[in-house]
Amino acid sequence: MALAVALGLGLAGGLAGPGPVLAREAETAALTASPGESGAETSLSLAELRAMPWTTVSTRNLYNDGVVAYAGPLMRDVLARLGLDGADSVICVALNDYEVEIPTADFRDWDVILAMEADGAPLSPRETGPLWIIYPQTDHPELDAPIYNQRLIWQLIRIEAR
């Protein structure tokens, strides 16, 4: 039975800063996990994702020039927090309907993160944010391959566990 995770991008104008944006981060469900017909939904707001332990991955990838320091929670921790860590794979869907299947073994084998910042700045929803799956490609040359480049999905809006 597939588990569905939806990401609500109910933000206007940015991800961080004083006032209404931070209030929306705390109140708006950014990541919702549904464990199927018999389970209760769980959700995380952007503020809750920001409150999780973070890892920084300094890496190059196909989509940037030079090394960029990406920061965010580890994907294995996000899946565990949402109760999706038992899945064999997940289907990740972007805002533009791009989708890719990722084996959850990737998240156990490498420090793959749900990047929320690049070089200390929040990822912009107008470009690659607010959430971008990032692999540590510079530290692991075997990850610099087309299959892993396809898994660098940005503007993530939904995850379905298989």
C-alpha atoms as a PDB file:
ATOM      1  CA  MET A   1       0.000   0.000   0.000  1.00  0.00           C
ATOM      2  CA  ALA A   2       1.491   3.346  -1.000  1.00  0.00           C
ATOM      3  CA  LEU A   3       2.115   5.992   1.588  1.00  0.00           C
ATOM      4  CA  ALA A   4       1.648   9.549   0.419  1.00  0.00           C
ATOM      5  CA  VAL A   5       3.450  12.644   1.557  1.00  0.00           C
ATOM      6  CA  ALA A   6       2.359  16.056   0.342  1.00  0.00           C
ATOM      7  CA  LEU A   7       4.273  19.279   0.648  1.00  0.00           C
ATOM      8  CA  GLY A   8       2.279  22.515   0.952  1.00  0.00           C
ATOM      9  CA  LEU A   9       4.145  25.562  -0.271  1.00  0.00           C
ATOM     10  CA  GLY A  10       1.803  28.088   1.354  1.00  0.00           C
ATOM     11  CA  LEU A  11       4.483  30.769   1.453  1.00  0.00           C
ATOM     12  CA  ALA A  12       4.534  34.197  -0.109  1.00  0.00           C
ATOM     13  CA  GLY A  13       7.645  36.274  -0.390  1.00  0.00           C
ATOM     14  CA  GLY A  14      10.311  34.105   1.226  1.00  0.00           C
ATOM     15  CA  LEU A  15      11.261  31.496   3.748  1.00  0.00           C
ATOM     16  CA  ALA A  16      12.911  33.318   6.595  1.00  0.00           C
ATOM     17  CA  GLY A  17      12.744  36.686   8.213  1.00  0.00           C
ATOM     18  CA  PRO A  18      10.673  38.462  10.779  1.00  0.00           C
ATOM     19  CA  GLY A  19       6.924  38.639  11.021  1.00  0.00           C
ATOM     20  CA  PRO A  20       4.283  36.815   9.005  1.00  0.00           C
ATOM     21  CA  VAL A  21       6.638  34.506   7.099  1.00  0.00           C
ATOM     22  CA  LEU A  22       7.901  32.852  10.287  1.00  0.00           C
ATOM     23  CA  ALA A  23       4.356  32.563  11.607  1.00  0.00           C
ATOM     24  CA  ARG A  24       3.310  30.781   8.396  1.00  0.00           C
ATOM     25  CA  GLU A  25       6.315  28.437   8.699  1.00  0.00           C
ATOM     26  CA  ALA A  26       5.189  27.425  12.175  1.00  0.00           C
ATOM     27  CA  GLU A  27       1.503  27.001  11.272  1.00  0.00           C
ATOM     28  CA  THR A  28       1.546  25.592   7.732  1.00  0.00           C
ATOM     29  CA  ALA A  29       2.053  21.869   7.224  1.00  0.00           C
ATOM     30  CA  ALA A  30       4.987  21.635   4.836  1.00  0.00           C
ATOM     31  CA  LEU A  31       5.358  17.881   4.817  1.00  0.00           C
ATOM     32  CA  THR A  32       2.422  15.551   5.481  1.00  0.00           C
ATOM     33  CA  ALA A  33       2.731  11.762   5.647  1.00  0.00           C
ATOM     34  CA  SER A  34      -0.232   9.478   5.225  1.00  0.00           C
ATOM     35  CA  PRO A  35       0.547   5.863   6.154  1.00  0.00           C
ATOM     36  CA  GLY A  36      -2.384   4.551   4.147  1.00  0.00           C
ATOM     37  CA  GLU A  37      -5.996   3.718   4.900  1.00  0.00           C
ATOM     38  CA  SER A  38      -5.526   2.543   8.476  1.00  0.00           C
ATOM     39  CA  GLY A  39      -2.957   5.013   9.816  1.00  0.00           C
ATOM     40  CA  ALA A  40      -3.109   8.544  11.094  1.00  0.00           C
ATOM     41  CA  GLU A  41      -1.541  11.357   9.110  1.00  0.00           C
ATOM     42  CA  THR A  42       1.484  13.151  10.469  1.00  0.00           C
ATOM     43  CA  SER A  43       2.921  16.420   9.279  1.00  0.00           C
ATOM     44  CA  LEU A  44       5.915  18.685   9.697  1.00  0.00           C
ATOM     45  CA  SER A  45       5.975  22.426   9.122  1.00  0.00           C
ATOM     46  CA  LEU A  46       8.992  24.213   7.666  1.00  0.00           C
ATOM     47  CA  ALA A  47       9.717  25.431  11.206  1.00  0.00           C
ATOM     48  CA  GLU A  48       9.716  21.822  12.454  1.00  0.00           C
ATOM     49  CA  LEU A  49      12.056  20.790   9.644  1.00  0.00           C
ATOM     50  CA  ARG A  50      14.328  23.699  10.598  1.00  0.00           C
ATOM     51  CA  ALA A  51      14.275  22.519  14.241  1.00  0.00           C
ATOM     52  CA  MET A  52      15.529  19.025  13.336  1.00  0.00           C
ATOM     53  CA  PRO A  53      19.281  18.334  13.536  1.00  0.00           C
ATOM     54  CA  TRP A  54      20.959  19.540  10.343  1.00  0.00           C
ATOM     55  CA  THR A  55      23.893  18.340   8.309  1.00  0.00           C
ATOM     56  CA  THR A  56      25.931  20.398   5.865  1.00  0.00           C
ATOM     57  CA  VAL A  57      26.956  18.780   2.592  1.00  0.00           C
ATOM     58  CA  SER A  58      29.529  20.758   0.612  1.00  0.00           C
ATOM     59  CA  THR A  59      29.362  19.410  -2.894  1.00  0.00           C
ATOM     60  CA  ARG A  60      29.344  20.054  -6.590  1.00  0.00           C
ATOM     61  CA  ASN A  61      26.569  18.742  -8.742  1.00  0.00           C
ATOM     62  CA  LEU A  62      25.347  18.975 -12.302  1.00  0.00           C
ATOM     63  CA  TYR A  63      23.223  22.029 -11.453  1.00  0.00           C
ATOM     64  CA  ASN A  64      25.740  24.363  -9.801  1.00  0.00           C
ATOM     65  CA  ASP A  65      29.122  25.931 -10.528  1.00  0.00           C
ATOM     66  CA  GLY A  66      31.707  24.970  -7.953  1.00  0.00           C
ATOM     67  CA  VAL A  67      31.197  23.636  -4.468  1.00  0.00           C
ATOM     68  CA  VAL A  68      28.076  24.801  -2.611  1.00  0.00           C
ATOM     69  CA  ALA A  69      27.447  24.222   1.111  1.00  0.00           C
ATOM     70  CA  TYR A  70      23.906  22.827   1.332  1.00  0.00           C
ATOM     71  CA  ALA A  71      22.299  22.412   4.760  1.00  0.00           C
ATOM     72  CA  GLY A  72      19.221  20.632   6.037  1.00  0.00           C
ATOM     73  CA  PRO A  73      18.057  17.530   7.864  1.00  0.00           C
ATOM     74  CA  LEU A  74      19.194  14.089   6.769  1.00  0.00           C
ATOM     75  CA  MET A  75      16.596  12.383   4.584  1.00  0.00           C
ATOM     76  CA  ARG A  76      16.759   9.250   6.744  1.00  0.00           C
ATOM     77  CA  ASP A  77      15.791  11.371   9.773  1.00  0.00           C
ATOM     78  CA  VAL A  78      12.929  13.055   7.893  1.00  0.00           C
ATOM     79  CA  LEU A  79      11.554   9.691   6.758  1.00  0.00           C
ATOM     80  CA  ALA A  80      11.870   8.293  10.292  1.00  0.00           C
ATOM     81  CA  ARG A  81      10.109  11.307  11.797  1.00  0.00           C
ATOM     82  CA  LEU A  82       7.244  10.831   9.348  1.00  0.00           C
ATOM     83  CA  GLY A  83       7.089   7.063   9.847  1.00  0.00           C
ATOM     84  CA  LEU A  84       8.230   6.308   6.294  1.00  0.00           C
ATOM     85  CA  ASP A  85      11.574   4.707   7.125  1.00  0.00           C
ATOM     86  CA  GLY A  86      10.223   1.178   6.552  1.00  0.00           C
ATOM     87  CA  ALA A  87       9.604   1.782   2.838  1.00  0.00           C
ATOM     88  CA  ASP A  88      11.870   0.139   0.264  1.00  0.00           C
ATOM     89  CA  SER A  89      11.691   3.162  -2.027  1.00  0.00           C
ATOM     90  CA  VAL A  90       9.972   6.511  -2.358  1.00  0.00           C
ATOM     91  CA  ILE A  91       8.534   8.325  -5.339  1.00  0.00           C
ATOM     92  CA  CYS A  92       9.482  12.016  -5.111  1.00  0.00           C
ATOM     93  CA  VAL A  93       7.412  14.536  -7.047  1.00  0.00           C
ATOM     94  CA  ALA A  94       8.378  18.122  -7.856  1.00  0.00           C
ATOM     95  CA  LEU A  95       6.186  21.159  -8.316  1.00  0.00           C
ATOM     96  CA  ASN A  96       6.419  20.763 -12.120  1.00  0.00           C
ATOM     97  CA  ASP A  97       5.275  17.088 -11.878  1.00  0.00           C
ATOM     98  CA  TYR A  98       8.791  15.699 -12.417  1.00  0.00           C
ATOM     99  CA  GLU A  99       9.021  12.492 -10.452  1.00  0.00           C
ATOM    100  CA  VAL A 100      11.735  10.020  -9.613  1.00  0.00           C
ATOM    101  CA  GLU A 101      11.899   6.826  -7.577  1.00  0.00           C
ATOM    102  CA  ILE A 102      14.645   6.703  -4.956  1.00  0.00           C
ATOM    103  CA  PRO A 103      15.575   3.558  -3.013  1.00  0.00           C
ATOM    104  CA  THR A 104      15.583   4.369   0.709  1.00  0.00           C
ATOM    105  CA  ALA A 105      18.887   2.481   0.918  1.00  0.00           C
ATOM    106  CA  ASP A 106      20.417   5.655  -0.586  1.00  0.00           C
ATOM    107  CA  PHE A 107      19.397   7.535   2.557  1.00  0.00           C
ATOM    108  CA  ARG A 108      20.928   4.866   4.800  1.00  0.00           C
ATOM    109  CA  ASP A 109      24.145   4.460   2.778  1.00  0.00           C
ATOM    110  CA  TRP A 110      24.981   8.154   2.282  1.00  0.00           C
ATOM    111  CA  ASP A 111      24.299  11.428   4.072  1.00  0.00           C
ATOM    112  CA  VAL A 112      21.611  12.581   1.644  1.00  0.00           C
ATOM    113  CA  ILE A 113      19.938  15.731   2.949  1.00  0.00           C
ATOM    114  CA  LEU A 114      16.709  17.604   2.455  1.00  0.00           C
ATOM    115  CA  ALA A 115      18.476  20.878   1.713  1.00  0.00           C
ATOM    116  CA  MET A 116      16.782  24.041   2.892  1.00  0.00           C
ATOM    117  CA  GLU A 117      19.784  26.374   2.557  1.00  0.00           C
ATOM    118  CA  ALA A 118      22.655  26.896   0.124  1.00  0.00           C
ATOM    119  CA  ASP A 119      25.742  28.775   1.333  1.00  0.00           C
ATOM    120  CA  GLY A 120      23.757  29.976   4.366  1.00  0.00           C
ATOM    121  CA  ALA A 121      20.784  31.388   2.439  1.00  0.00           C
ATOM    122  CA  PRO A 122      17.318  29.781   2.336  1.00  0.00           C
ATOM    123  CA  LEU A 123      16.521  28.035  -0.941  1.00  0.00           C
ATOM    124  CA  SER A 124      14.079  30.194  -2.863  1.00  0.00           C
ATOM    125  CA  PRO A 125      10.770  28.669  -3.981  1.00  0.00           C
ATOM    126  CA  ARG A 126      11.287  30.607  -7.231  1.00  0.00           C
ATOM    127  CA  GLU A 127      14.359  28.532  -8.041  1.00  0.00           C
ATOM    128  CA  THR A 128      15.163  25.230  -6.321  1.00  0.00           C
ATOM    129  CA  GLY A 129      13.477  25.569  -2.935  1.00  0.00           C
ATOM    130  CA  PRO A 130      12.216  25.435  -0.438  1.00  0.00           C
ATOM    131  CA  LEU A 131      13.297  21.771  -0.358  1.00  0.00           C
ATOM    132  CA  TRP A 132      15.918  20.053  -2.533  1.00  0.00           C
ATOM    133  CA  ILE A 133      17.240  16.501  -2.136  1.00  0.00           C
ATOM    134  CA  ILE A 134      21.041  16.721  -2.234  1.00  0.00           C
ATOM    135  CA  TYR A 135      23.549  13.843  -2.415  1.00  0.00           C
ATOM    136  CA  PRO A 136      27.180  14.232  -1.210  1.00  0.00           C
ATOM    137  CA  GLN A 137      28.552  13.772  -4.731  1.00  0.00           C
ATOM    138  CA  THR A 138      31.942  15.412  -4.185  1.00  0.00           C
ATOM    139  CA  ASP A 139      32.755  13.116  -1.243  1.00  0.00           C
ATOM    140  CA  HIS A 140      31.553  10.007  -3.105  1.00  0.00           C
ATOM    141  CA  PRO A 141      32.604  10.055  -6.799  1.00  0.00           C
ATOM    142  CA  GLU A 142      30.376   7.021  -7.465  1.00  0.00           C
ATOM    143  CA  LEU A 143      27.395   9.347  -6.907  1.00  0.00           C
ATOM    144  CA  ASP A 144      28.453  11.534  -9.840  1.00  0.00           C
ATOM    145  CA  ALA A 145      26.418   9.475 -12.295  1.00  0.00           C
ATOM    146  CA  PRO A 146      23.247  10.116 -14.314  1.00  0.00           C
ATOM    147  CA  ILE A 147      21.073   7.941 -12.018  1.00  0.00           C
ATOM    148  CA  TYR A 148      21.972  10.093  -8.998  1.00  0.00           C
ATOM    149  CA  ASN A 149      21.707  13.373 -10.909  1.00  0.00           C
ATOM    150  CA  GLN A 150      18.097  12.400 -11.696  1.00  0.00           C
ATOM    151  CA  ARG A 151      17.483  12.028  -7.945  1.00  0.00           C
ATOM    152  CA  LEU A 152      18.549  15.623  -7.168  1.00  0.00           C
ATOM    153  CA  ILE A 153      14.929  16.734  -7.138  1.00  0.00           C
ATOM    154  CA  TRP A 154      14.171  20.331  -6.190  1.00  0.00           C
ATOM    155  CA  GLN A 155      10.915  22.122  -5.392  1.00  0.00           C
ATOM    156  CA  LEU A 156       9.867  18.872  -3.759  1.00  0.00           C
ATOM    157  CA  ILE A 157       6.130  18.786  -3.079  1.00  0.00           C
ATOM    158  CA  ARG A 158       5.267  15.136  -2.471  1.00  0.00           C
ATOM    159  CA  ILE A 159       6.777  11.804  -1.493  1.00  0.00           C
ATOM    160  CA  GLU A 160       4.980   8.478  -1.902  1.00  0.00           C
ATOM    161  CA  ALA A 161       6.536   5.554  -0.047  1.00  0.00           C
ATOM    162  CA  ARG A 162       6.450   2.180  -1.782  1.00  0.00           C
END
